[in-house]
Amino acid sequence: ARHLTVEGTRQTEHGLAWKFDNFTRAGSPYEFNMEDARDLWNQIRCPILILWGDESWGRRNYDLDTSPFHDVEVVKIAGAGHWVQHDQFGVFISHVNRFLNA
């Protein structure tokens, strides 16, 4: 938490503010084609680990479609939001270590 606070903020005349790159709001000049993406994902042959916080703002009431992938494991982590590695660091590391050592 300290690292995130120190590295993720900047001093302003009004106090501290989160660092943010407005370019992340820029859209792609290319249309996203889900069919092409699924074909690309289907070519991935290595194991995939998806760690998902059950309190994440993204896709809260949504079943993740893993059908394009051949070898995928999805783990929902209780008490974690969008930043699983920050909210439940020990649980996150445990799953990553298990996955990498398999």
PDB file of N, CA and C in Angstrom:
ATOM      1  N   ALA A   1       0.829  -1.188   0.000  1.00  0.00           N
ATOM      2  CA  ALA A   1       0.000   0.000   0.000  1.00  0.00           C
ATOM      3  C   ALA A   1       0.879   1.260   0.000  1.00  0.00           C
ATOM      4  N   ARG A   2       1.980   1.212   0.753  1.00  0.00           N
ATOM      5  CA  ARG A   2       2.861   2.382   0.799  1.00  0.00           C
ATOM      6  C   ARG A   2       3.461   2.657  -0.580  1.00  0.00           C
ATOM      7  N   HIS A   3       3.927   1.604  -1.261  1.00  0.00           N
ATOM      8  CA  HIS A   3       4.517   1.764  -2.591  1.00  0.00           C
ATOM      9  C   HIS A   3       3.495   2.370  -3.552  1.00  0.00           C
ATOM     10  N   LEU A   4       2.276   1.857  -3.519  1.00  0.00           N
ATOM     11  CA  LEU A   4       1.225   2.365  -4.391  1.00  0.00           C
ATOM     12  C   LEU A   4       0.962   3.842  -4.112  1.00  0.00           C
ATOM     13  N   THR A   5       0.954   4.205  -2.843  1.00  0.00           N
ATOM     14  CA  THR A   5       0.707   5.598  -2.468  1.00  0.00           C
ATOM     15  C   THR A   5       1.851   6.507  -2.904  1.00  0.00           C
ATOM     16  N   VAL A   6       3.077   6.094  -2.638  1.00  0.00           N
ATOM     17  CA  VAL A   6       4.245   6.921  -2.976  1.00  0.00           C
ATOM     18  C   VAL A   6       4.412   7.047  -4.487  1.00  0.00           C
ATOM     19  N   GLU A   7       4.346   5.928  -5.189  1.00  0.00           N
ATOM     20  CA  GLU A   7       4.598   5.933  -6.633  1.00  0.00           C
ATOM     21  C   GLU A   7       3.377   6.323  -7.461  1.00  0.00           C
ATOM     22  N   GLY A   8       2.192   6.203  -6.887  1.00  0.00           N
ATOM     23  CA  GLY A   8       0.972   6.438  -7.655  1.00  0.00           C
ATOM     24  C   GLY A   8       0.333   7.794  -7.435  1.00  0.00           C
ATOM     25  N   THR A   9       1.008   8.680  -6.691  1.00  0.00           N
ATOM     26  CA  THR A   9       0.453  10.010  -6.453  1.00  0.00           C
ATOM     27  C   THR A   9       1.449  11.093  -6.850  1.00  0.00           C
ATOM     28  N   ARG A  10       0.917  12.301  -6.995  1.00  0.00           N
ATOM     29  CA  ARG A  10       1.773  13.457  -7.269  1.00  0.00           C
ATOM     30  C   ARG A  10       1.256  14.624  -6.432  1.00  0.00           C
ATOM     31  N   GLN A  11       2.158  15.502  -6.093  1.00  0.00           N
ATOM     32  CA  GLN A  11       1.801  16.682  -5.299  1.00  0.00           C
ATOM     33  C   GLN A  11       1.225  17.754  -6.215  1.00  0.00           C
ATOM     34  N   THR A  12       0.097  18.334  -5.831  1.00  0.00           N
ATOM     35  CA  THR A  12      -0.491  19.464  -6.552  1.00  0.00           C
ATOM     36  C   THR A  12      -0.654  20.618  -5.567  1.00  0.00           C
ATOM     37  N   GLU A  13      -1.102  21.737  -6.061  1.00  0.00           N
ATOM     38  CA  GLU A  13      -1.320  22.887  -5.172  1.00  0.00           C
ATOM     39  C   GLU A  13      -2.450  22.629  -4.176  1.00  0.00           C
ATOM     40  N   HIS A  14      -3.286  21.625  -4.463  1.00  0.00           N
ATOM     41  CA  HIS A  14      -4.414  21.294  -3.586  1.00  0.00           C
ATOM     42  C   HIS A  14      -4.140  20.065  -2.723  1.00  0.00           C
ATOM     43  N   GLY A  15      -2.951  19.520  -2.804  1.00  0.00           N
ATOM     44  CA  GLY A  15      -2.615  18.316  -2.039  1.00  0.00           C
ATOM     45  C   GLY A  15      -2.186  17.195  -2.963  1.00  0.00           C
ATOM     46  N   LEU A  16      -2.399  15.966  -2.535  1.00  0.00           N
ATOM     47  CA  LEU A  16      -2.016  14.813  -3.346  1.00  0.00           C
ATOM     48  C   LEU A  16      -3.123  14.444  -4.321  1.00  0.00           C
ATOM     49  N   ALA A  17      -2.721  13.985  -5.499  1.00  0.00           N
ATOM     50  CA  ALA A  17      -3.662  13.501  -6.508  1.00  0.00           C
ATOM     51  C   ALA A  17      -3.088  12.224  -7.111  1.00  0.00           C
ATOM     52  N   TRP A  18      -3.968  11.327  -7.522  1.00  0.00           N
ATOM     53  CA  TRP A  18      -3.498  10.106  -8.179  1.00  0.00           C
ATOM     54  C   TRP A  18      -2.886  10.454  -9.527  1.00  0.00           C
ATOM     55  N   LYS A  19      -1.777   9.810  -9.860  1.00  0.00           N
ATOM     56  CA  LYS A  19      -1.184   9.963 -11.192  1.00  0.00           C
ATOM     57  C   LYS A  19      -2.113   9.276 -12.180  1.00  0.00           C
ATOM     58  N   PHE A  20      -2.252   9.868 -13.337  1.00  0.00           N
ATOM     59  CA  PHE A  20      -3.134   9.292 -14.349  1.00  0.00           C
ATOM     60  C   PHE A  20      -2.686   9.768 -15.713  1.00  0.00           C
ATOM     61  N   ASP A  21      -2.685   8.872 -16.659  1.00  0.00           N
ATOM     62  CA  ASP A  21      -2.325   9.209 -18.030  1.00  0.00           C
ATOM     63  C   ASP A  21      -3.610   9.296 -18.839  1.00  0.00           C
ATOM     64  N   ASN A  22      -4.003  10.504 -19.233  1.00  0.00           N
ATOM     65  CA  ASN A  22      -5.233  10.687 -19.996  1.00  0.00           C
ATOM     66  C   ASN A  22      -5.231   9.930 -21.317  1.00  0.00           C
ATOM     67  N   PHE A  23      -4.045   9.562 -21.801  1.00  0.00           N
ATOM     68  CA  PHE A  23      -3.982   8.827 -23.067  1.00  0.00           C
ATOM     69  C   PHE A  23      -4.667   7.464 -22.948  1.00  0.00           C
ATOM     70  N   THR A  24      -4.809   6.960 -21.722  1.00  0.00           N
ATOM     71  CA  THR A  24      -5.490   5.670 -21.565  1.00  0.00           C
ATOM     72  C   THR A  24      -6.955   5.755 -21.963  1.00  0.00           C
ATOM     73  N   ARG A  25      -7.486   6.949 -22.056  1.00  0.00           N
ATOM     74  CA  ARG A  25      -8.877   7.124 -22.477  1.00  0.00           C
ATOM     75  C   ARG A  25      -9.015   7.182 -24.003  1.00  0.00           C
ATOM     76  N   ALA A  26      -7.902   7.269 -24.690  1.00  0.00           N
ATOM     77  CA  ALA A  26      -7.946   7.363 -26.151  1.00  0.00           C
ATOM     78  C   ALA A  26      -8.395   6.028 -26.740  1.00  0.00           C
ATOM     79  N   GLY A  27      -9.231   6.083 -27.704  1.00  0.00           N
ATOM     80  CA  GLY A  27      -9.688   4.876 -28.371  1.00  0.00           C
ATOM     81  C   GLY A  27      -8.699   4.426 -29.425  1.00  0.00           C
ATOM     82  N   SER A  28      -8.823   3.191 -29.800  1.00  0.00           N
ATOM     83  CA  SER A  28      -7.971   2.654 -30.853  1.00  0.00           C
ATOM     84  C   SER A  28      -8.475   3.134 -32.209  1.00  0.00           C
ATOM     85  N   PRO A  29      -7.580   3.395 -33.137  1.00  0.00           N
ATOM     86  CA  PRO A  29      -8.026   3.770 -34.481  1.00  0.00           C
ATOM     87  C   PRO A  29      -8.566   2.560 -35.247  1.00  0.00           C
ATOM     88  N   TYR A  30      -8.396   1.370 -34.674  1.00  0.00           N
ATOM     89  CA  TYR A  30      -8.835   0.144 -35.336  1.00  0.00           C
ATOM     90  C   TYR A  30     -10.053  -0.428 -34.628  1.00  0.00           C
ATOM     91  N   GLU A  31     -10.972  -0.947 -35.408  1.00  0.00           N
ATOM     92  CA  GLU A  31     -12.160  -1.567 -34.845  1.00  0.00           C
ATOM     93  C   GLU A  31     -11.782  -2.892 -34.188  1.00  0.00           C
ATOM     94  N   PHE A  32     -12.320  -3.138 -33.007  1.00  0.00           N
ATOM     95  CA  PHE A  32     -12.069  -4.401 -32.318  1.00  0.00           C
ATOM     96  C   PHE A  32     -13.037  -5.433 -32.861  1.00  0.00           C
ATOM     97  N   ASN A  33     -12.497  -6.496 -33.401  1.00  0.00           N
ATOM     98  CA  ASN A  33     -13.318  -7.547 -33.982  1.00  0.00           C
ATOM     99  C   ASN A  33     -13.249  -8.768 -33.067  1.00  0.00           C
ATOM    100  N   MET A  34     -14.350  -9.072 -32.399  1.00  0.00           N
ATOM    101  CA  MET A  34     -14.369 -10.167 -31.435  1.00  0.00           C
ATOM    102  C   MET A  34     -14.104 -11.518 -32.100  1.00  0.00           C
ATOM    103  N   GLU A  35     -14.582 -11.719 -33.296  1.00  0.00           N
ATOM    104  CA  GLU A  35     -14.339 -12.989 -33.989  1.00  0.00           C
ATOM    105  C   GLU A  35     -12.845 -13.191 -34.243  1.00  0.00           C
ATOM    106  N   ASP A  36     -12.163 -12.143 -34.696  1.00  0.00           N
ATOM    107  CA  ASP A  36     -10.710 -12.233 -34.900  1.00  0.00           C
ATOM    108  C   ASP A  36      -9.983 -12.462 -33.582  1.00  0.00           C
ATOM    109  N   ALA A  37     -10.434 -11.775 -32.541  1.00  0.00           N
ATOM    110  CA  ALA A  37      -9.802 -11.942 -31.227  1.00  0.00           C
ATOM    111  C   ALA A  37      -9.956 -13.377 -30.736  1.00  0.00           C
ATOM    112  N   ARG A  38     -11.135 -13.938 -30.874  1.00  0.00           N
ATOM    113  CA  ARG A  38     -11.366 -15.321 -30.431  1.00  0.00           C
ATOM    114  C   ARG A  38     -10.494 -16.296 -31.228  1.00  0.00           C
ATOM    115  N   ASP A  39     -10.338 -16.055 -32.523  1.00  0.00           N
ATOM    116  CA  ASP A  39      -9.460 -16.909 -33.339  1.00  0.00           C
ATOM    117  C   ASP A  39      -8.016 -16.816 -32.857  1.00  0.00           C
ATOM    118  N   LEU A  40      -7.583 -15.617 -32.527  1.00  0.00           N
ATOM    119  CA  LEU A  40      -6.232 -15.413 -32.017  1.00  0.00           C
ATOM    120  C   LEU A  40      -6.054 -16.101 -30.664  1.00  0.00           C
ATOM    121  N   TRP A  41      -7.000 -15.895 -29.757  1.00  0.00           N
ATOM    122  CA  TRP A  41      -6.929 -16.517 -28.429  1.00  0.00           C
ATOM    123  C   TRP A  41      -6.912 -18.035 -28.541  1.00  0.00           C
ATOM    124  N   ASN A  42      -7.612 -18.571 -29.533  1.00  0.00           N
ATOM    125  CA  ASN A  42      -7.690 -20.018 -29.719  1.00  0.00           C
ATOM    126  C   ASN A  42      -6.347 -20.631 -30.099  1.00  0.00           C
ATOM    127  N   GLN A  43      -5.425 -19.800 -30.561  1.00  0.00           N
ATOM    128  CA  GLN A  43      -4.096 -20.299 -30.931  1.00  0.00           C
ATOM    129  C   GLN A  43      -3.153 -20.405 -29.732  1.00  0.00           C
ATOM    130  N   ILE A  44      -3.551 -19.865 -28.591  1.00  0.00           N
ATOM    131  CA  ILE A  44      -2.715 -19.927 -27.385  1.00  0.00           C
ATOM    132  C   ILE A  44      -2.742 -21.348 -26.843  1.00  0.00           C
ATOM    133  N   ARG A  45      -1.571 -21.935 -26.667  1.00  0.00           N
ATOM    134  CA  ARG A  45      -1.481 -23.324 -26.214  1.00  0.00           C
ATOM    135  C   ARG A  45      -0.861 -23.475 -24.827  1.00  0.00           C
ATOM    136  N   CYS A  46      -0.374 -22.410 -24.264  1.00  0.00           N
ATOM    137  CA  CYS A  46       0.224 -22.510 -22.925  1.00  0.00           C
ATOM    138  C   CYS A  46      -0.880 -22.394 -21.867  1.00  0.00           C
ATOM    139  N   PRO A  47      -0.617 -22.884 -20.659  1.00  0.00           N
ATOM    140  CA  PRO A  47      -1.597 -22.736 -19.578  1.00  0.00           C
ATOM    141  C   PRO A  47      -1.827 -21.257 -19.252  1.00  0.00           C
ATOM    142  N   ILE A  48      -3.064 -20.943 -18.886  1.00  0.00           N
ATOM    143  CA  ILE A  48      -3.457 -19.571 -18.578  1.00  0.00           C
ATOM    144  C   ILE A  48      -4.102 -19.554 -17.198  1.00  0.00           C
ATOM    145  N   LEU A  49      -3.699 -18.607 -16.370  1.00  0.00           N
ATOM    146  CA  LEU A  49      -4.305 -18.413 -15.058  1.00  0.00           C
ATOM    147  C   LEU A  49      -4.958 -17.041 -15.032  1.00  0.00           C
ATOM    148  N   ILE A  50      -6.249 -17.011 -14.743  1.00  0.00           N
ATOM    149  CA  ILE A  50      -6.974 -15.752 -14.600  1.00  0.00           C
ATOM    150  C   ILE A  50      -7.405 -15.638 -13.143  1.00  0.00           C
ATOM    151  N   LEU A  51      -6.906 -14.619 -12.471  1.00  0.00           N
ATOM    152  CA  LEU A  51      -7.292 -14.346 -11.091  1.00  0.00           C
ATOM    153  C   LEU A  51      -8.263 -13.174 -11.112  1.00  0.00           C
ATOM    154  N   TRP A  52      -9.417 -13.377 -10.521  1.00  0.00           N
ATOM    155  CA  TRP A  52     -10.515 -12.441 -10.644  1.00  0.00           C
ATOM    156  C   TRP A  52     -11.042 -12.102  -9.255  1.00  0.00           C
ATOM    157  N   GLY A  53     -11.046 -10.837  -8.887  1.00  0.00           N
ATOM    158  CA  GLY A  53     -11.573 -10.422  -7.594  1.00  0.00           C
ATOM    159  C   GLY A  53     -13.089 -10.425  -7.596  1.00  0.00           C
ATOM    160  N   ASP A  54     -13.689 -11.052  -6.578  1.00  0.00           N
ATOM    161  CA  ASP A  54     -15.151 -11.144  -6.558  1.00  0.00           C
ATOM    162  C   ASP A  54     -15.832  -9.807  -6.263  1.00  0.00           C
ATOM    163  N   GLU A  55     -15.057  -8.797  -5.893  1.00  0.00           N
ATOM    164  CA  GLU A  55     -15.613  -7.463  -5.671  1.00  0.00           C
ATOM    165  C   GLU A  55     -15.215  -6.494  -6.785  1.00  0.00           C
ATOM    166  N   SER A  56     -14.682  -7.017  -7.871  1.00  0.00           N
ATOM    167  CA  SER A  56     -14.242  -6.175  -8.980  1.00  0.00           C
ATOM    168  C   SER A  56     -15.426  -5.466  -9.617  1.00  0.00           C
ATOM    169  N   TRP A  57     -15.207  -4.233 -10.016  1.00  0.00           N
ATOM    170  CA  TRP A  57     -16.256  -3.467 -10.687  1.00  0.00           C
ATOM    171  C   TRP A  57     -16.521  -4.005 -12.085  1.00  0.00           C
ATOM    172  N   GLY A  58     -15.576  -4.713 -12.643  1.00  0.00           N
ATOM    173  CA  GLY A  58     -15.723  -5.221 -14.003  1.00  0.00           C
ATOM    174  C   GLY A  58     -16.392  -6.586 -14.039  1.00  0.00           C
ATOM    175  N   ARG A  59     -17.447  -6.712 -14.775  1.00  0.00           N
ATOM    176  CA  ARG A  59     -18.119  -7.992 -15.011  1.00  0.00           C
ATOM    177  C   ARG A  59     -18.525  -8.694 -13.716  1.00  0.00           C
ATOM    178  N   ARG A  60     -19.103  -7.971 -12.818  1.00  0.00           N
ATOM    179  CA  ARG A  60     -19.458  -8.505 -11.509  1.00  0.00           C
ATOM    180  C   ARG A  60     -20.433  -9.683 -11.600  1.00  0.00           C
ATOM    181  N   ASN A  61     -21.474  -9.542 -12.371  1.00  0.00           N
ATOM    182  CA  ASN A  61     -22.486 -10.595 -12.498  1.00  0.00           C
ATOM    183  C   ASN A  61     -22.391 -11.254 -13.869  1.00  0.00           C
ATOM    184  N   TYR A  62     -21.200 -11.666 -14.213  1.00  0.00           N
ATOM    185  CA  TYR A  62     -20.942 -12.165 -15.560  1.00  0.00           C
ATOM    186  C   TYR A  62     -20.124 -13.441 -15.470  1.00  0.00           C
ATOM    187  N   ASP A  63     -20.550 -14.453 -16.203  1.00  0.00           N
ATOM    188  CA  ASP A  63     -19.754 -15.674 -16.283  1.00  0.00           C
ATOM    189  C   ASP A  63     -18.700 -15.483 -17.364  1.00  0.00           C
ATOM    190  N   LEU A  64     -17.462 -15.639 -16.992  1.00  0.00           N
ATOM    191  CA  LEU A  64     -16.346 -15.434 -17.907  1.00  0.00           C
ATOM    192  C   LEU A  64     -16.345 -16.515 -18.986  1.00  0.00           C
ATOM    193  N   ASP A  65     -16.307 -16.106 -20.233  1.00  0.00           N
ATOM    194  CA  ASP A  65     -16.274 -17.051 -21.354  1.00  0.00           C
ATOM    195  C   ASP A  65     -14.833 -17.439 -21.636  1.00  0.00           C
ATOM    196  N   THR A  66     -14.471 -18.639 -21.258  1.00  0.00           N
ATOM    197  CA  THR A  66     -13.107 -19.123 -21.486  1.00  0.00           C
ATOM    198  C   THR A  66     -13.043 -20.092 -22.657  1.00  0.00           C
ATOM    199  N   SER A  67     -14.119 -20.211 -23.416  1.00  0.00           N
ATOM    200  CA  SER A  67     -14.171 -21.200 -24.496  1.00  0.00           C
ATOM    201  C   SER A  67     -13.093 -21.038 -25.572  1.00  0.00           C
ATOM    202  N   PRO A  68     -12.564 -19.831 -25.843  1.00  0.00           N
ATOM    203  CA  PRO A  68     -11.513 -19.753 -26.865  1.00  0.00           C
ATOM    204  C   PRO A  68     -10.180 -20.351 -26.414  1.00  0.00           C
ATOM    205  N   PHE A  69     -10.029 -20.579 -25.114  1.00  0.00           N
ATOM    206  CA  PHE A  69      -8.746 -21.031 -24.581  1.00  0.00           C
ATOM    207  C   PHE A  69      -8.750 -22.538 -24.354  1.00  0.00           C
ATOM    208  N   HIS A  70      -7.588 -23.161 -24.484  1.00  0.00           N
ATOM    209  CA  HIS A  70      -7.474 -24.613 -24.356  1.00  0.00           C
ATOM    210  C   HIS A  70      -7.171 -25.064 -22.941  1.00  0.00           C
ATOM    211  N   ASP A  71      -6.384 -24.319 -22.220  1.00  0.00           N
ATOM    212  CA  ASP A  71      -5.927 -24.737 -20.896  1.00  0.00           C
ATOM    213  C   ASP A  71      -5.971 -23.527 -19.974  1.00  0.00           C
ATOM    214  N   VAL A  72      -7.161 -23.259 -19.431  1.00  0.00           N
ATOM    215  CA  VAL A  72      -7.345 -22.056 -18.622  1.00  0.00           C
ATOM    216  C   VAL A  72      -7.921 -22.422 -17.259  1.00  0.00           C
ATOM    217  N   GLU A  73      -7.424 -21.741 -16.249  1.00  0.00           N
ATOM    218  CA  GLU A  73      -7.939 -21.880 -14.892  1.00  0.00           C
ATOM    219  C   GLU A  73      -8.375 -20.494 -14.433  1.00  0.00           C
ATOM    220  N   VAL A  74      -9.604 -20.395 -13.961  1.00  0.00           N
ATOM    221  CA  VAL A  74     -10.127 -19.135 -13.450  1.00  0.00           C
ATOM    222  C   VAL A  74     -10.339 -19.284 -11.951  1.00  0.00           C
ATOM    223  N   VAL A  75      -9.781 -18.357 -11.190  1.00  0.00           N
ATOM    224  CA  VAL A  75      -9.929 -18.371  -9.738  1.00  0.00           C
ATOM    225  C   VAL A  75     -10.538 -17.042  -9.313  1.00  0.00           C
ATOM    226  N   LYS A  76     -11.708 -17.109  -8.663  1.00  0.00           N
ATOM    227  CA  LYS A  76     -12.307 -15.912  -8.075  1.00  0.00           C
ATOM    228  C   LYS A  76     -11.773 -15.787  -6.660  1.00  0.00           C
ATOM    229  N   ILE A  77     -11.248 -14.618  -6.336  1.00  0.00           N
ATOM    230  CA  ILE A  77     -10.643 -14.398  -5.030  1.00  0.00           C
ATOM    231  C   ILE A  77     -11.557 -13.512  -4.187  1.00  0.00           C
ATOM    232  N   ALA A  78     -11.987 -14.067  -3.067  1.00  0.00           N
ATOM    233  CA  ALA A  78     -12.888 -13.357  -2.158  1.00  0.00           C
ATOM    234  C   ALA A  78     -12.188 -12.151  -1.541  1.00  0.00           C
ATOM    235  N   GLY A  79     -12.944 -11.078  -1.409  1.00  0.00           N
ATOM    236  CA  GLY A  79     -12.420  -9.886  -0.756  1.00  0.00           C
ATOM    237  C   GLY A  79     -11.465  -9.073  -1.600  1.00  0.00           C
ATOM    238  N   ALA A  80     -11.425  -9.344  -2.895  1.00  0.00           N
ATOM    239  CA  ALA A  80     -10.530  -8.612  -3.796  1.00  0.00           C
ATOM    240  C   ALA A  80     -11.350  -7.891  -4.853  1.00  0.00           C
ATOM    241  N   GLY A  81     -10.865  -6.716  -5.215  1.00  0.00           N
ATOM    242  CA  GLY A  81     -11.493  -5.958  -6.279  1.00  0.00           C
ATOM    243  C   GLY A  81     -10.708  -6.110  -7.570  1.00  0.00           C
ATOM    244  N   HIS A  82     -10.631  -5.033  -8.325  1.00  0.00           N
ATOM    245  CA  HIS A  82      -9.953  -5.041  -9.620  1.00  0.00           C
ATOM    246  C   HIS A  82      -8.455  -5.316  -9.475  1.00  0.00           C
ATOM    247  N   TRP A  83      -7.864  -4.858  -8.395  1.00  0.00           N
ATOM    248  CA  TRP A  83      -6.428  -5.062  -8.149  1.00  0.00           C
ATOM    249  C   TRP A  83      -6.241  -6.213  -7.179  1.00  0.00           C
ATOM    250  N   VAL A  84      -6.433  -7.414  -7.657  1.00  0.00           N
ATOM    251  CA  VAL A  84      -6.335  -8.607  -6.812  1.00  0.00           C
ATOM    252  C   VAL A  84      -4.993  -8.650  -6.099  1.00  0.00           C
ATOM    253  N   GLN A  85      -3.929  -8.346  -6.812  1.00  0.00           N
ATOM    254  CA  GLN A  85      -2.577  -8.419  -6.249  1.00  0.00           C
ATOM    255  C   GLN A  85      -2.374  -7.424  -5.117  1.00  0.00           C
ATOM    256  N   HIS A  86      -3.156  -6.391  -5.072  1.00  0.00           N
ATOM    257  CA  HIS A  86      -3.058  -5.397  -4.005  1.00  0.00           C
ATOM    258  C   HIS A  86      -4.008  -5.743  -2.851  1.00  0.00           C
ATOM    259  N   ASP A  87      -5.228  -6.134  -3.188  1.00  0.00           N
ATOM    260  CA  ASP A  87      -6.254  -6.370  -2.176  1.00  0.00           C
ATOM    261  C   ASP A  87      -6.039  -7.657  -1.381  1.00  0.00           C
ATOM    262  N   GLN A  88      -5.533  -8.687  -2.036  1.00  0.00           N
ATOM    263  CA  GLN A  88      -5.315  -9.984  -1.381  1.00  0.00           C
ATOM    264  C   GLN A  88      -3.947 -10.519  -1.800  1.00  0.00           C
ATOM    265  N   PHE A  89      -2.900  -9.797  -1.431  1.00  0.00           N
ATOM    266  CA  PHE A  89      -1.549 -10.104  -1.904  1.00  0.00           C
ATOM    267  C   PHE A  89      -1.132 -11.540  -1.594  1.00  0.00           C
ATOM    268  N   GLY A  90      -1.320 -11.986  -0.365  1.00  0.00           N
ATOM    269  CA  GLY A  90      -0.901 -13.333   0.016  1.00  0.00           C
ATOM    270  C   GLY A  90      -1.610 -14.412  -0.781  1.00  0.00           C
ATOM    271  N   VAL A  91      -2.906 -14.261  -0.967  1.00  0.00           N
ATOM    272  CA  VAL A  91      -3.688 -15.224  -1.750  1.00  0.00           C
ATOM    273  C   VAL A  91      -3.234 -15.191  -3.203  1.00  0.00           C
ATOM    274  N   PHE A  92      -3.022 -13.990  -3.726  1.00  0.00           N
ATOM    275  CA  PHE A  92      -2.544 -13.818  -5.100  1.00  0.00           C
ATOM    276  C   PHE A  92      -1.223 -14.556  -5.314  1.00  0.00           C
ATOM    277  N   ILE A  93      -0.252 -14.309  -4.436  1.00  0.00           N
ATOM    278  CA  ILE A  93       1.068 -14.935  -4.558  1.00  0.00           C
ATOM    279  C   ILE A  93       0.962 -16.448  -4.444  1.00  0.00           C
ATOM    280  N   SER A  94       0.112 -16.919  -3.560  1.00  0.00           N
ATOM    281  CA  SER A  94      -0.076 -18.360  -3.393  1.00  0.00           C
ATOM    282  C   SER A  94      -0.546 -19.010  -4.695  1.00  0.00           C
ATOM    283  N   HIS A  95      -1.530 -18.409  -5.345  1.00  0.00           N
ATOM    284  CA  HIS A  95      -2.045 -18.956  -6.613  1.00  0.00           C
ATOM    285  C   HIS A  95      -1.004 -18.861  -7.731  1.00  0.00           C
ATOM    286  N   VAL A  96      -0.299 -17.740  -7.804  1.00  0.00           N
ATOM    287  CA  VAL A  96       0.717 -17.574  -8.849  1.00  0.00           C
ATOM    288  C   VAL A  96       1.852 -18.574  -8.657  1.00  0.00           C
ATOM    289  N   ASN A  97       2.328 -18.733  -7.432  1.00  0.00           N
ATOM    290  CA  ASN A  97       3.400 -19.706  -7.172  1.00  0.00           C
ATOM    291  C   ASN A  97       2.965 -21.123  -7.522  1.00  0.00           C
ATOM    292  N   ARG A  98       1.747 -21.494  -7.119  1.00  0.00           N
ATOM    293  CA  ARG A  98       1.237 -22.833  -7.438  1.00  0.00           C
ATOM    294  C   ARG A  98       1.179 -23.034  -8.953  1.00  0.00           C
ATOM    295  N   PHE A  99       0.680 -22.020  -9.663  1.00  0.00           N
ATOM    296  CA  PHE A  99       0.545 -22.098 -11.115  1.00  0.00           C
ATOM    297  C   PHE A  99       1.909 -22.221 -11.797  1.00  0.00           C
ATOM    298  N   LEU A 100       2.854 -21.403 -11.380  1.00  0.00           N
ATOM    299  CA  LEU A 100       4.181 -21.414 -12.008  1.00  0.00           C
ATOM    300  C   LEU A 100       4.979 -22.674 -11.682  1.00  0.00           C
ATOM    301  N   ASN A 101       4.695 -23.280 -10.550  1.00  0.00           N
ATOM    302  CA  ASN A 101       5.426 -24.481 -10.146  1.00  0.00           C
ATOM    303  C   ASN A 101       4.744 -25.774 -10.577  1.00  0.00           C
ATOM    304  N   ALA A 102       3.627 -25.663 -11.269  1.00  0.00           N
ATOM    305  CA  ALA A 102       2.895 -26.866 -11.706  1.00  0.00           C
ATOM    306  C   ALA A 102       3.584 -27.523 -12.887  1.00  0.00           C
TER     307      ALA A 102
END
